[in-house]
């Protein structure tokens, strides 16, 4: 293991639970950005794809409406079977 990774591993062992959670969230976000950048690079030259700009804020998260009974998606699956 490289000295940088050993130093990072040692630092992670000394983190509090809250600091570890925030660090994990940061690492996951960093990986997602890297994956998205790779996807953008691969799709950029393909005419069938139009990608939003990287600065696009995305869409807000919407909570599903609370209803009674079986959700429509489950009803459709049940009807298809």
Protein backbone atom coordinates (compact mmCIF):
# COMPACT_ATOMS: atom_id res chain seq x y z
CA UNK A 1 0.00 0.00 0.00
CA UNK A 2 1.32 3.45 -0.85
CA UNK A 3 2.26 5.94 1.86
CA UNK A 4 -0.67 8.15 0.91
CA UNK A 5 -3.18 5.32 1.28
CA UNK A 6 -1.63 4.22 4.59
CA UNK A 7 -1.85 7.78 5.88
CA UNK A 8 -5.47 8.03 4.76
CA UNK A 9 -6.35 4.69 6.37
CA UNK A 10 -4.78 5.81 9.65
CA UNK A 11 -6.67 9.12 9.51
CA UNK A 12 -9.96 7.32 8.86
CA UNK A 13 -9.45 5.10 11.91
CA UNK A 14 -9.26 8.20 14.10
CA UNK A 15 -12.49 9.81 12.79
CA UNK A 16 -15.61 10.14 14.89
CA UNK A 17 -18.76 8.42 13.66
CA UNK A 18 -20.16 11.70 12.29
CA UNK A 19 -16.88 12.59 10.56
CA UNK A 20 -16.73 9.10 9.04
CA UNK A 21 -20.29 9.46 7.70
CA UNK A 22 -19.48 12.83 6.10
CA UNK A 23 -16.24 11.46 4.64
CA UNK A 24 -18.06 8.47 3.16
CA UNK A 25 -20.66 10.79 1.58
CA UNK A 26 -17.85 12.88 0.10
CA UNK A 27 -16.11 9.82 -1.38
CA UNK A 28 -19.37 8.53 -2.87
CA UNK A 29 -20.09 11.95 -4.43
CA UNK A 30 -16.55 12.06 -5.81
CA UNK A 31 -16.99 8.66 -7.45
CA UNK A 32 -20.38 9.64 -8.91
CA UNK A 33 -18.83 12.75 -10.45
CA UNK A 34 -16.05 10.64 -11.96
CA UNK A 35 -18.55 8.13 -13.35
CA UNK A 36 -20.73 10.90 -14.79
CA UNK A 37 -17.71 12.56 -16.40
CA UNK A 38 -16.78 9.26 -18.06
CA UNK A 39 -20.36 8.74 -19.27
CA UNK A 40 -20.48 12.29 -20.69
CA UNK A 41 -17.17 11.71 -22.47
CA UNK A 42 -18.42 8.46 -24.06
CA UNK A 43 -21.80 9.88 -25.16
CA UNK A 44 -20.57 13.30 -26.30
CA UNK A 45 -19.82 12.20 -29.87
CA UNK A 46 -22.98 10.15 -30.40
CA UNK A 47 -25.69 12.00 -32.33
CA UNK A 48 -28.58 10.19 -30.63
CA UNK A 49 -27.83 11.70 -27.23
CA UNK A 50 -28.30 15.26 -26.01
CA UNK A 51 -26.85 15.76 -22.58
CA UNK A 52 -27.74 18.61 -20.22
CA UNK A 53 -24.90 20.86 -19.20
CA UNK A 54 -22.83 19.71 -16.21
CA UNK A 55 -24.06 22.77 -14.30
CA UNK A 56 -27.72 21.67 -14.63
CA UNK A 57 -29.08 21.48 -11.08
CA UNK A 58 -31.08 18.31 -11.75
CA UNK A 59 -34.63 17.64 -10.81
CA UNK A 60 -36.01 17.99 -7.30
CA UNK A 61 -36.80 14.84 -5.35
CA UNK A 62 -40.53 14.29 -5.12
CA UNK A 63 -42.17 12.26 -2.41
CA UNK A 64 -44.83 9.87 -3.72
CA UNK A 65 -48.42 10.67 -2.81
CA UNK A 66 -49.75 8.70 0.13
CA UNK A 67 -52.77 6.65 -0.89
CA UNK A 68 -54.64 3.60 0.24
CA UNK A 69 -54.65 0.32 -1.60
CA UNK A 70 -52.13 -1.18 -3.97
CA UNK A 71 -49.94 1.20 -6.04
CA UNK A 72 -50.80 1.41 -9.74
CA UNK A 73 -47.40 0.02 -10.74
CA UNK A 74 -48.05 -3.13 -8.73
CA UNK A 75 -51.55 -3.42 -10.17
CA UNK A 76 -50.13 -3.27 -13.69
CA UNK A 77 -47.60 -5.97 -12.93
CA UNK A 78 -50.29 -8.16 -11.37
CA UNK A 79 -52.61 -7.65 -14.37
CA UNK A 80 -49.84 -8.58 -16.82
CA UNK A 81 -49.24 -11.87 -15.05
